[in-house]
Amino acid sequence: MTITVNAPSQARRSVLDELEAESIHIIREVLAEFDNPGLLFSGGKDSVIVLHLLAKAVFPARVPIPVVHIDTGHNFGEVLKFRDQVVARYGLNLVVGSVQEYIDRGELTELPDGTRNRLQTRVLLDTIEANRFDVVFGGARRDEDKARAKERILSLRDEFGVWDPRNQRPEIWNLYNGRHAPGGHVRAFPISNWTERDIWAYINQEQIELPPIYFAHKRQVFERDGMWRAVTGVSLPAQGEIVSIRQVRYRTVGDASCTGAVLSAADTVPKVLDELALATVTERGATRADDRISAAGMEDRKTEGYF
């Protein structure tokens, strides 16, 4: 990733410039207001953007906070490799919460469908508590899901990590109140107002590197529930599901056992932007099986303390 600082200009700022300025303002406010921040970092495009903005916000200093990855044990190998490369490049302190370790200790039980996204919540809350984070940055955006559309930029969580939409403060103009009760913490979402297309346009503008699975590549896949699932050790076809080699890419990268790919020829950022111009479904709605459990699937998990 190359950090560039745009020189002042009298010309009218673009939409991306406005979004970048808003996000950097939020990041600086949070860094000034809280004692012990962390950054939730999966290696996916949204957390990569938040890290890039954080680096800009503190430039020329180095990123001063740790990055936190909740590892389900079912992550795509390409994403974990990319995560480690980014950590080394920035010289970051990486904090990992391992779902597998909880399973091995008998503190969590594997779900019948084999997915682990829901198991992340306990590990995430314990990791926040163990490291005494009073705020963690996240890459959630309001266009992703109905539950996230009502999310505040600074989201209050109680001592149990629970999100209560009735207990969220109004955010007037650019005033952000980080006050929270003892034992609770705050989730900060500086790219809340960005869309998926904004994210990719910014990636194009800033020449930001991403894991290669975001771009079209040939992969062994099988079709299930209208999604193309990769053949991996944690994602195998059932009887009657036919494995074929297709050219696919991922719009979102999560647990490999519930994240689907889309058929695509978009192997560059401009081609992805062209493809998104025709998209009618959000990336989570199109490719995340865990968000199809119910109409309120995401909101149910958020009230439990999920991202």
C-alpha atoms as a PDB file:
ATOM      1  CA  MET A   1       0.000   0.000   0.000  1.00  0.00           C
ATOM      2  CA  THR A   2       1.267   3.467  -0.842  1.00  0.00           C
ATOM      3  CA  ILE A   3       0.231   6.303   1.455  1.00  0.00           C
ATOM      4  CA  THR A   4      -0.314   9.540  -0.403  1.00  0.00           C
ATOM      5  CA  VAL A   5      -1.281  12.856   1.109  1.00  0.00           C
ATOM      6  CA  ASN A   6      -3.199  15.038  -1.288  1.00  0.00           C
ATOM      7  CA  ALA A   7      -1.995  18.618  -1.601  1.00  0.00           C
ATOM      8  CA  PRO A   8      -4.538  21.400  -0.895  1.00  0.00           C
ATOM      9  CA  SER A   9      -6.437  22.517  -3.964  1.00  0.00           C
ATOM     10  CA  GLN A  10      -8.876  25.269  -4.774  1.00  0.00           C
ATOM     11  CA  ALA A  11     -10.776  22.911  -7.059  1.00  0.00           C
ATOM     12  CA  ARG A  12     -14.004  21.383  -5.828  1.00  0.00           C
ATOM     13  CA  ARG A  13     -13.361  18.154  -3.971  1.00  0.00           C
ATOM     14  CA  SER A  14     -14.691  14.919  -5.400  1.00  0.00           C
ATOM     15  CA  VAL A  15     -17.119  12.603  -3.586  1.00  0.00           C
ATOM     16  CA  LEU A  16     -14.177  10.352  -2.692  1.00  0.00           C
ATOM     17  CA  ASP A  17     -12.275  13.311  -1.257  1.00  0.00           C
ATOM     18  CA  GLU A  18     -15.303  14.186   0.889  1.00  0.00           C
ATOM     19  CA  LEU A  19     -15.681  10.619   2.111  1.00  0.00           C
ATOM     20  CA  GLU A  20     -11.974  10.361   2.869  1.00  0.00           C
ATOM     21  CA  ALA A  21     -12.029  13.651   4.794  1.00  0.00           C
ATOM     22  CA  GLU A  22     -15.052  12.548   6.846  1.00  0.00           C
ATOM     23  CA  SER A  23     -13.462   9.188   7.683  1.00  0.00           C
ATOM     24  CA  ILE A  24     -10.139  10.718   8.677  1.00  0.00           C
ATOM     25  CA  HIS A  25     -11.978  13.228  10.884  1.00  0.00           C
ATOM     26  CA  ILE A  26     -13.823  10.363  12.622  1.00  0.00           C
ATOM     27  CA  ILE A  27     -10.592   8.408  13.106  1.00  0.00           C
ATOM     28  CA  ARG A  28      -8.796  11.402  14.612  1.00  0.00           C
ATOM     29  CA  GLU A  29     -11.732  12.144  16.921  1.00  0.00           C
ATOM     30  CA  VAL A  30     -11.725   8.551  18.170  1.00  0.00           C
ATOM     31  CA  LEU A  31      -7.960   8.466  18.674  1.00  0.00           C
ATOM     32  CA  ALA A  32      -8.188  11.701  20.688  1.00  0.00           C
ATOM     33  CA  GLU A  33     -11.232  10.687  22.744  1.00  0.00           C
ATOM     34  CA  PHE A  34     -10.461   7.102  23.748  1.00  0.00           C
ATOM     35  CA  ASP A  35      -7.650   5.588  25.794  1.00  0.00           C
ATOM     36  CA  ASN A  36      -7.077   2.182  24.212  1.00  0.00           C
ATOM     37  CA  PRO A  37      -8.310   1.739  20.612  1.00  0.00           C
ATOM     38  CA  GLY A  38      -7.914  -1.307  18.380  1.00  0.00           C
ATOM     39  CA  LEU A  39      -8.729  -2.015  14.742  1.00  0.00           C
ATOM     40  CA  LEU A  40     -10.727  -5.077  13.707  1.00  0.00           C
ATOM     41  CA  PHE A  41      -8.827  -6.399  10.696  1.00  0.00           C
ATOM     42  CA  SER A  42      -9.895  -9.400   8.637  1.00  0.00           C
ATOM     43  CA  GLY A  43      -7.747  -8.740   5.572  1.00  0.00           C
ATOM     44  CA  GLY A  44     -10.922  -7.965   3.618  1.00  0.00           C
ATOM     45  CA  LYS A  45     -11.337  -4.866   1.482  1.00  0.00           C
ATOM     46  CA  ASP A  46     -13.234  -2.764   4.039  1.00  0.00           C
ATOM     47  CA  SER A  47     -10.783  -3.321   6.887  1.00  0.00           C
ATOM     48  CA  VAL A  48      -7.922  -2.672   4.437  1.00  0.00           C
ATOM     49  CA  ILE A  49      -9.511   0.696   3.598  1.00  0.00           C
ATOM     50  CA  VAL A  50      -9.920   1.590   7.293  1.00  0.00           C
ATOM     51  CA  LEU A  51      -6.259   0.754   7.911  1.00  0.00           C
ATOM     52  CA  HIS A  52      -5.226   2.857   4.902  1.00  0.00           C
ATOM     53  CA  LEU A  53      -7.294   5.798   6.213  1.00  0.00           C
ATOM     54  CA  LEU A  54      -5.869   5.329   9.701  1.00  0.00           C
ATOM     55  CA  ALA A  55      -2.351   5.482   8.291  1.00  0.00           C
ATOM     56  CA  LYS A  56      -3.258   8.722   6.500  1.00  0.00           C
ATOM     57  CA  ALA A  57      -4.858  10.155   9.643  1.00  0.00           C
ATOM     58  CA  VAL A  58      -1.656   9.797  11.678  1.00  0.00           C
ATOM     59  CA  PHE A  59       0.891  10.411   8.887  1.00  0.00           C
ATOM     60  CA  PRO A  60       3.877  10.857   9.162  1.00  0.00           C
ATOM     61  CA  ALA A  61       3.710   8.847  12.392  1.00  0.00           C
ATOM     62  CA  ARG A  62       3.274   5.090  12.306  1.00  0.00           C
ATOM     63  CA  VAL A  63      -0.078   3.406  12.999  1.00  0.00           C
ATOM     64  CA  PRO A  64      -0.209   3.550  16.817  1.00  0.00           C
ATOM     65  CA  ILE A  65      -2.815   0.876  17.604  1.00  0.00           C
ATOM     66  CA  PRO A  66      -2.971  -2.920  17.318  1.00  0.00           C
ATOM     67  CA  VAL A  67      -4.987  -4.764  14.694  1.00  0.00           C
ATOM     68  CA  VAL A  68      -7.329  -7.489  15.903  1.00  0.00           C
ATOM     69  CA  HIS A  69      -8.236 -10.549  13.857  1.00  0.00           C
ATOM     70  CA  ILE A  70     -10.857 -13.036  15.016  1.00  0.00           C
ATOM     71  CA  ASP A  71      -9.730 -16.200  13.243  1.00  0.00           C
ATOM     72  CA  THR A  72     -12.513 -18.726  12.660  1.00  0.00           C
ATOM     73  CA  GLY A  73     -10.073 -21.379  11.503  1.00  0.00           C
ATOM     74  CA  HIS A  74     -12.006 -21.435   8.224  1.00  0.00           C
ATOM     75  CA  ASN A  75     -10.402 -18.415   6.611  1.00  0.00           C
ATOM     76  CA  PHE A  76      -9.235 -18.442   3.013  1.00  0.00           C
ATOM     77  CA  GLY A  77      -5.490 -19.085   2.870  1.00  0.00           C
ATOM     78  CA  GLU A  78      -4.932 -16.192   0.455  1.00  0.00           C
ATOM     79  CA  VAL A  79      -6.519 -13.785   2.935  1.00  0.00           C
ATOM     80  CA  LEU A  80      -4.431 -14.956   5.904  1.00  0.00           C
ATOM     81  CA  LYS A  81      -1.255 -14.655   3.814  1.00  0.00           C
ATOM     82  CA  PHE A  82      -2.247 -11.131   2.791  1.00  0.00           C
ATOM     83  CA  ARG A  83      -3.052 -10.224   6.419  1.00  0.00           C
ATOM     84  CA  ASP A  84       0.417 -11.245   7.540  1.00  0.00           C
ATOM     85  CA  GLN A  85       2.041  -9.304   4.687  1.00  0.00           C
ATOM     86  CA  VAL A  86       0.161  -6.138   5.671  1.00  0.00           C
ATOM     87  CA  VAL A  87       1.061  -6.560   9.341  1.00  0.00           C
ATOM     88  CA  ALA A  88       4.742  -6.916   8.427  1.00  0.00           C
ATOM     89  CA  ARG A  89       4.656  -3.976   5.997  1.00  0.00           C
ATOM     90  CA  TYR A  90       3.176  -1.576   8.534  1.00  0.00           C
ATOM     91  CA  GLY A  91       5.044  -3.026  11.528  1.00  0.00           C
ATOM     92  CA  LEU A  92       1.752  -3.622  13.336  1.00  0.00           C
ATOM     93  CA  ASN A  93       0.965  -5.413  16.551  1.00  0.00           C
ATOM     94  CA  LEU A  94      -1.382  -8.263  15.589  1.00  0.00           C
ATOM     95  CA  VAL A  95      -3.817  -9.597  18.209  1.00  0.00           C
ATOM     96  CA  VAL A  96      -5.494 -12.863  17.196  1.00  0.00           C
ATOM     97  CA  GLY A  97      -8.560 -14.379  18.822  1.00  0.00           C
ATOM     98  CA  SER A  98      -8.846 -18.025  17.752  1.00  0.00           C
ATOM     99  CA  VAL A  99     -12.213 -19.768  17.495  1.00  0.00           C
ATOM    100  CA  GLN A 100     -10.374 -23.088  17.089  1.00  0.00           C
ATOM    101  CA  GLU A 101      -8.674 -22.676  20.463  1.00  0.00           C
ATOM    102  CA  TYR A 102     -12.061 -22.224  22.142  1.00  0.00           C
ATOM    103  CA  ILE A 103     -13.363 -25.354  20.414  1.00  0.00           C
ATOM    104  CA  ASP A 104     -10.289 -27.334  21.453  1.00  0.00           C
ATOM    105  CA  ARG A 105     -10.812 -26.262  25.086  1.00  0.00           C
ATOM    106  CA  GLY A 106     -14.480 -27.242  24.954  1.00  0.00           C
ATOM    107  CA  GLU A 107     -15.673 -23.661  25.488  1.00  0.00           C
ATOM    108  CA  LEU A 108     -17.445 -23.551  22.124  1.00  0.00           C
ATOM    109  CA  THR A 109     -19.217 -26.305  20.211  1.00  0.00           C
ATOM    110  CA  GLU A 110     -19.158 -26.717  16.450  1.00  0.00           C
ATOM    111  CA  LEU A 111     -22.455 -25.793  14.804  1.00  0.00           C
ATOM    112  CA  PRO A 112     -24.336 -28.531  12.881  1.00  0.00           C
ATOM    113  CA  ASP A 113     -23.957 -26.715   9.558  1.00  0.00           C
ATOM    114  CA  GLY A 114     -20.170 -26.454   9.990  1.00  0.00           C
ATOM    115  CA  THR A 115     -20.024 -22.650   9.802  1.00  0.00           C
ATOM    116  CA  ARG A 116     -18.225 -20.657  12.449  1.00  0.00           C
ATOM    117  CA  ASN A 117     -19.276 -17.057  11.865  1.00  0.00           C
ATOM    118  CA  ARG A 118     -21.700 -17.146  14.782  1.00  0.00           C
ATOM    119  CA  LEU A 119     -18.979 -18.616  17.011  1.00  0.00           C
ATOM    120  CA  GLN A 120     -16.868 -15.488  16.527  1.00  0.00           C
ATOM    121  CA  THR A 121     -18.984 -13.394  18.893  1.00  0.00           C
ATOM    122  CA  ARG A 122     -17.767 -14.954  22.163  1.00  0.00           C
ATOM    123  CA  VAL A 123     -14.153 -14.836  20.997  1.00  0.00           C
ATOM    124  CA  LEU A 124     -14.466 -11.212  19.858  1.00  0.00           C
ATOM    125  CA  LEU A 125     -15.973 -10.041  23.164  1.00  0.00           C
ATOM    126  CA  ASP A 126     -13.370 -11.935  25.210  1.00  0.00           C
ATOM    127  CA  THR A 127     -10.554 -10.479  23.077  1.00  0.00           C
ATOM    128  CA  ILE A 128     -11.865  -6.939  23.573  1.00  0.00           C
ATOM    129  CA  GLU A 129     -12.144  -7.498  27.317  1.00  0.00           C
ATOM    130  CA  ALA A 130      -8.748  -9.196  27.681  1.00  0.00           C
ATOM    131  CA  ASN A 131      -6.985  -6.331  25.881  1.00  0.00           C
ATOM    132  CA  ARG A 132      -9.115  -3.667  27.589  1.00  0.00           C
ATOM    133  CA  PHE A 133     -10.055  -1.985  24.342  1.00  0.00           C
ATOM    134  CA  ASP A 134     -12.483   0.843  25.029  1.00  0.00           C
ATOM    135  CA  VAL A 135     -13.127   1.268  21.303  1.00  0.00           C
ATOM    136  CA  VAL A 136     -12.499  -0.858  18.226  1.00  0.00           C
ATOM    137  CA  PHE A 137     -12.623   0.418  14.669  1.00  0.00           C
ATOM    138  CA  GLY A 138     -14.582  -1.674  12.171  1.00  0.00           C
ATOM    139  CA  GLY A 139     -15.240  -1.611   8.453  1.00  0.00           C
ATOM    140  CA  ALA A 140     -19.048  -1.880   8.498  1.00  0.00           C
ATOM    141  CA  ARG A 141     -20.957   0.175   5.924  1.00  0.00           C
ATOM    142  CA  ARG A 142     -24.609   1.159   5.963  1.00  0.00           C
ATOM    143  CA  ASP A 143     -25.275  -0.109   2.434  1.00  0.00           C
ATOM    144  CA  GLU A 144     -24.373  -3.697   3.355  1.00  0.00           C
ATOM    145  CA  ASP A 145     -27.457  -4.727   5.294  1.00  0.00           C
ATOM    146  CA  LYS A 146     -30.668  -3.361   6.810  1.00  0.00           C
ATOM    147  CA  ALA A 147     -29.328  -3.890  10.341  1.00  0.00           C
ATOM    148  CA  ARG A 148     -26.213  -1.886   9.507  1.00  0.00           C
ATOM    149  CA  ALA A 149     -28.222   0.875   7.834  1.00  0.00           C
ATOM    150  CA  LYS A 150     -29.505   1.954  11.265  1.00  0.00           C
ATOM    151  CA  GLU A 151     -26.039   1.746  12.848  1.00  0.00           C
ATOM    152  CA  ARG A 152     -24.430   4.868  14.264  1.00  0.00           C
ATOM    153  CA  ILE A 153     -20.846   5.804  13.440  1.00  0.00           C
ATOM    154  CA  LEU A 154     -20.031   5.406  17.144  1.00  0.00           C
ATOM    155  CA  SER A 155     -21.999   2.367  18.284  1.00  0.00           C
ATOM    156  CA  LEU A 156     -22.432   1.810  22.018  1.00  0.00           C
ATOM    157  CA  ARG A 157     -22.071  -1.696  23.440  1.00  0.00           C
ATOM    158  CA  ASP A 158     -22.939  -2.572  27.027  1.00  0.00           C
ATOM    159  CA  GLU A 159     -20.917  -4.664  29.481  1.00  0.00           C
ATOM    160  CA  PHE A 160     -22.099  -7.809  27.688  1.00  0.00           C
ATOM    161  CA  GLY A 161     -21.167  -6.458  24.248  1.00  0.00           C
ATOM    162  CA  VAL A 162     -24.840  -6.125  23.307  1.00  0.00           C
ATOM    163  CA  TRP A 163     -25.994  -3.595  20.727  1.00  0.00           C
ATOM    164  CA  ASP A 164     -29.341  -1.986  21.551  1.00  0.00           C
ATOM    165  CA  PRO A 165     -30.592   0.234  18.703  1.00  0.00           C
ATOM    166  CA  ARG A 166     -32.850   2.104  21.162  1.00  0.00           C
ATOM    167  CA  ASN A 167     -29.807   3.148  23.156  1.00  0.00           C
ATOM    168  CA  GLN A 168     -27.851   4.769  20.331  1.00  0.00           C
ATOM    169  CA  ARG A 169     -27.213   8.503  20.430  1.00  0.00           C
ATOM    170  CA  PRO A 170     -28.151  10.886  17.621  1.00  0.00           C
ATOM    171  CA  GLU A 171     -25.099  12.092  15.719  1.00  0.00           C
ATOM    172  CA  ILE A 172     -25.603  15.705  14.736  1.00  0.00           C
ATOM    173  CA  TRP A 173     -23.359  17.096  12.014  1.00  0.00           C
ATOM    174  CA  ASN A 174     -19.837  15.886  12.809  1.00  0.00           C
ATOM    175  CA  LEU A 175     -20.149  15.674  16.599  1.00  0.00           C
ATOM    176  CA  TYR A 176     -19.371  12.228  18.015  1.00  0.00           C
ATOM    177  CA  ASN A 177     -19.902  11.426  21.689  1.00  0.00           C
ATOM    178  CA  GLY A 178     -17.760   8.538  22.859  1.00  0.00           C
ATOM    179  CA  ARG A 179     -18.954   8.498  26.473  1.00  0.00           C
ATOM    180  CA  HIS A 180     -19.884   4.987  27.588  1.00  0.00           C
ATOM    181  CA  ALA A 181     -20.700   3.140  30.793  1.00  0.00           C
ATOM    182  CA  PRO A 182     -17.964   1.337  32.773  1.00  0.00           C
ATOM    183  CA  GLY A 183     -17.465  -2.166  31.422  1.00  0.00           C
ATOM    184  CA  GLY A 184     -18.911  -1.270  28.056  1.00  0.00           C
ATOM    185  CA  HIS A 185     -17.094  -0.272  24.906  1.00  0.00           C
ATOM    186  CA  VAL A 186     -17.687   1.444  21.565  1.00  0.00           C
ATOM    187  CA  ARG A 187     -17.462   0.236  17.967  1.00  0.00           C
ATOM    188  CA  ALA A 188     -16.366   2.989  15.570  1.00  0.00           C
ATOM    189  CA  PHE A 189     -17.278   2.733  11.875  1.00  0.00           C
ATOM    190  CA  PRO A 190     -15.486   5.488   9.932  1.00  0.00           C
ATOM    191  CA  ILE A 191     -16.585   4.250   6.473  1.00  0.00           C
ATOM    192  CA  SER A 192     -20.277   3.986   7.375  1.00  0.00           C
ATOM    193  CA  ASN A 193     -21.319   6.338   4.572  1.00  0.00           C
ATOM    194  CA  TRP A 194     -19.299   4.625   1.836  1.00  0.00           C
ATOM    195  CA  THR A 195     -20.871   2.288  -0.719  1.00  0.00           C
ATOM    196  CA  GLU A 196     -19.283  -0.799  -2.239  1.00  0.00           C
ATOM    197  CA  ARG A 197     -18.664   1.176  -5.422  1.00  0.00           C
ATOM    198  CA  ASP A 198     -17.046   4.004  -3.388  1.00  0.00           C
ATOM    199  CA  ILE A 199     -14.730   1.445  -1.827  1.00  0.00           C
ATOM    200  CA  TRP A 200     -13.592   0.138  -5.199  1.00  0.00           C
ATOM    201  CA  ALA A 201     -13.282   3.618  -6.700  1.00  0.00           C
ATOM    202  CA  TYR A 202     -11.048   4.563  -3.767  1.00  0.00           C
ATOM    203  CA  ILE A 203      -8.994   1.395  -4.201  1.00  0.00           C
ATOM    204  CA  ASN A 204      -8.511   2.423  -7.826  1.00  0.00           C
ATOM    205  CA  GLN A 205      -7.594   5.999  -6.921  1.00  0.00           C
ATOM    206  CA  GLU A 206      -5.153   5.057  -4.159  1.00  0.00           C
ATOM    207  CA  GLN A 207      -3.788   1.915  -5.846  1.00  0.00           C
ATOM    208  CA  ILE A 208      -4.466  -0.152  -2.738  1.00  0.00           C
ATOM    209  CA  GLU A 209      -3.468  -3.806  -2.753  1.00  0.00           C
ATOM    210  CA  LEU A 210      -6.060  -6.497  -1.920  1.00  0.00           C
ATOM    211  CA  PRO A 211      -6.052 -10.280  -1.525  1.00  0.00           C
ATOM    212  CA  PRO A 212      -6.075 -11.869  -5.003  1.00  0.00           C
ATOM    213  CA  ILE A 213      -9.385 -13.680  -4.490  1.00  0.00           C
ATOM    214  CA  TYR A 214     -11.202 -10.355  -4.963  1.00  0.00           C
ATOM    215  CA  PHE A 215     -10.330 -10.648  -8.658  1.00  0.00           C
ATOM    216  CA  ALA A 216     -11.463 -13.177 -11.248  1.00  0.00           C
ATOM    217  CA  HIS A 217      -9.550 -16.454 -11.138  1.00  0.00           C
ATOM    218  CA  LYS A 218     -10.255 -20.104 -11.935  1.00  0.00           C
ATOM    219  CA  ARG A 219     -11.308 -22.209  -8.975  1.00  0.00           C
ATOM    220  CA  GLN A 220     -12.975 -25.527  -8.184  1.00  0.00           C
ATOM    221  CA  VAL A 221     -16.511 -24.681  -7.096  1.00  0.00           C
ATOM    222  CA  PHE A 222     -19.952 -26.216  -6.665  1.00  0.00           C
ATOM    223  CA  GLU A 223     -23.357 -24.532  -6.623  1.00  0.00           C
ATOM    224  CA  ARG A 224     -25.438 -24.424  -3.448  1.00  0.00           C
ATOM    225  CA  ASP A 225     -28.382 -22.137  -2.617  1.00  0.00           C
ATOM    226  CA  GLY A 226     -27.674 -20.017  -5.678  1.00  0.00           C
ATOM    227  CA  MET A 227     -24.049 -19.390  -4.659  1.00  0.00           C
ATOM    228  CA  TRP A 228     -20.754 -20.784  -5.905  1.00  0.00           C
ATOM    229  CA  ARG A 229     -18.854 -22.363  -3.021  1.00  0.00           C
ATOM    230  CA  ALA A 230     -15.146 -23.080  -3.252  1.00  0.00           C
ATOM    231  CA  VAL A 231     -13.991 -26.636  -2.677  1.00  0.00           C
ATOM    232  CA  THR A 232     -11.865 -26.459   0.472  1.00  0.00           C
ATOM    233  CA  GLY A 233     -11.218 -28.605   3.524  1.00  0.00           C
ATOM    234  CA  VAL A 234     -14.153 -26.924   5.270  1.00  0.00           C
ATOM    235  CA  SER A 235     -16.439 -26.580   2.241  1.00  0.00           C
ATOM    236  CA  LEU A 236     -17.191 -29.817   0.399  1.00  0.00           C
ATOM    237  CA  PRO A 237     -19.977 -30.697  -2.036  1.00  0.00           C
ATOM    238  CA  ALA A 238     -22.867 -32.797  -0.831  1.00  0.00           C
ATOM    239  CA  GLN A 239     -24.283 -35.721  -2.797  1.00  0.00           C
ATOM    240  CA  GLY A 240     -25.579 -34.486  -6.138  1.00  0.00           C
ATOM    241  CA  GLU A 241     -23.606 -31.234  -6.076  1.00  0.00           C
ATOM    242  CA  ILE A 242     -21.307 -31.166  -9.090  1.00  0.00           C
ATOM    243  CA  VAL A 243     -17.790 -29.762  -8.869  1.00  0.00           C
ATOM    244  CA  SER A 244     -16.590 -27.735 -11.837  1.00  0.00           C
ATOM    245  CA  ILE A 245     -13.847 -25.241 -12.611  1.00  0.00           C
ATOM    246  CA  ARG A 246     -15.256 -21.739 -13.040  1.00  0.00           C
ATOM    247  CA  GLN A 247     -13.869 -18.243 -13.303  1.00  0.00           C
ATOM    248  CA  VAL A 248     -15.036 -16.514 -10.146  1.00  0.00           C
ATOM    249  CA  ARG A 249     -14.202 -13.732  -7.762  1.00  0.00           C
ATOM    250  CA  TYR A 250     -15.237 -12.860  -4.203  1.00  0.00           C
ATOM    251  CA  ARG A 251     -17.097  -9.683  -3.318  1.00  0.00           C
ATOM    252  CA  THR A 252     -16.590 -10.316   0.397  1.00  0.00           C
ATOM    253  CA  VAL A 253     -14.176 -12.607   2.227  1.00  0.00           C
ATOM    254  CA  GLY A 254     -15.336 -14.356   5.371  1.00  0.00           C
ATOM    255  CA  ASP A 255     -15.639 -17.894   6.675  1.00  0.00           C
ATOM    256  CA  ALA A 256     -14.905 -20.159   3.691  1.00  0.00           C
ATOM    257  CA  SER A 257     -17.697 -22.517   4.733  1.00  0.00           C
ATOM    258  CA  CYS A 258     -20.430 -19.908   4.176  1.00  0.00           C
ATOM    259  CA  THR A 259     -18.978 -17.352   1.755  1.00  0.00           C
ATOM    260  CA  GLY A 260     -19.790 -17.744  -1.919  1.00  0.00           C
ATOM    261  CA  ALA A 261     -18.112 -16.449  -5.051  1.00  0.00           C
ATOM    262  CA  VAL A 262     -19.712 -14.871  -8.108  1.00  0.00           C
ATOM    263  CA  LEU A 263     -19.070 -15.787 -11.720  1.00  0.00           C
ATOM    264  CA  SER A 264     -16.917 -12.995 -13.085  1.00  0.00           C
ATOM    265  CA  ALA A 265     -14.363 -11.954 -15.681  1.00  0.00           C
ATOM    266  CA  ALA A 266     -13.331  -8.886 -13.637  1.00  0.00           C
ATOM    267  CA  ASP A 267      -9.622  -9.394 -13.073  1.00  0.00           C
ATOM    268  CA  THR A 268      -8.722  -5.714 -12.584  1.00  0.00           C
ATOM    269  CA  VAL A 269     -10.116  -2.906 -10.445  1.00  0.00           C
ATOM    270  CA  PRO A 270     -11.628  -0.996 -13.420  1.00  0.00           C
ATOM    271  CA  LYS A 271     -13.395  -4.175 -14.539  1.00  0.00           C
ATOM    272  CA  VAL A 272     -14.760  -4.680 -11.019  1.00  0.00           C
ATOM    273  CA  LEU A 273     -16.117  -1.129 -11.107  1.00  0.00           C
ATOM    274  CA  ASP A 274     -17.810  -1.849 -14.433  1.00  0.00           C
ATOM    275  CA  GLU A 275     -19.315  -5.022 -12.993  1.00  0.00           C
ATOM    276  CA  LEU A 276     -20.629  -3.215  -9.899  1.00  0.00           C
ATOM    277  CA  ALA A 277     -22.387  -0.660 -12.095  1.00  0.00           C
ATOM    278  CA  LEU A 278     -24.805  -3.460 -13.035  1.00  0.00           C
ATOM    279  CA  ALA A 279     -25.076  -5.137  -9.603  1.00  0.00           C
ATOM    280  CA  THR A 280     -28.490  -5.112  -7.944  1.00  0.00           C
ATOM    281  CA  VAL A 281     -27.658  -7.024  -4.739  1.00  0.00           C
ATOM    282  CA  THR A 282     -25.199  -6.066  -1.983  1.00  0.00           C
ATOM    283  CA  GLU A 283     -22.096  -8.169  -1.539  1.00  0.00           C
ATOM    284  CA  ARG A 284     -23.357  -9.767   1.681  1.00  0.00           C
ATOM    285  CA  GLY A 285     -26.794 -10.456   0.270  1.00  0.00           C
ATOM    286  CA  ALA A 286     -25.291 -12.103  -2.786  1.00  0.00           C
ATOM    287  CA  THR A 287     -22.540 -14.198  -1.242  1.00  0.00           C
ATOM    288  CA  ARG A 288     -22.980 -14.769   2.519  1.00  0.00           C
ATOM    289  CA  ALA A 289     -25.086 -17.788   3.463  1.00  0.00           C
ATOM    290  CA  ASP A 290     -25.143 -16.816   7.157  1.00  0.00           C
ATOM    291  CA  ASP A 291     -27.011 -13.612   6.267  1.00  0.00           C
ATOM    292  CA  ARG A 292     -29.775 -15.652   4.585  1.00  0.00           C
ATOM    293  CA  ILE A 293     -30.769 -17.543   7.739  1.00  0.00           C
ATOM    294  CA  SER A 294     -33.575 -15.064   8.361  1.00  0.00           C
ATOM    295  CA  ALA A 295     -34.575 -11.553   7.353  1.00  0.00           C
ATOM    296  CA  ALA A 296     -33.141 -10.358  10.663  1.00  0.00           C
ATOM    297  CA  GLY A 297     -30.062 -12.625  10.652  1.00  0.00           C
ATOM    298  CA  MET A 298     -27.529  -9.807  10.905  1.00  0.00           C
ATOM    299  CA  GLU A 299     -29.523  -7.881  13.493  1.00  0.00           C
ATOM    300  CA  ASP A 300     -29.883 -10.981  15.682  1.00  0.00           C
ATOM    301  CA  ARG A 301     -26.114 -11.451  15.689  1.00  0.00           C
ATOM    302  CA  LYS A 302     -25.447  -7.770  16.337  1.00  0.00           C
ATOM    303  CA  THR A 303     -27.619  -7.855  19.466  1.00  0.00           C
ATOM    304  CA  GLU A 304     -25.466 -10.745  20.675  1.00  0.00           C
ATOM    305  CA  GLY A 305     -22.330  -8.641  20.312  1.00  0.00           C
ATOM    306  CA  TYR A 306     -21.313  -9.518  16.754  1.00  0.00           C
ATOM    307  CA  PHE A 307     -19.393  -7.018  14.593  1.00  0.00           C
END
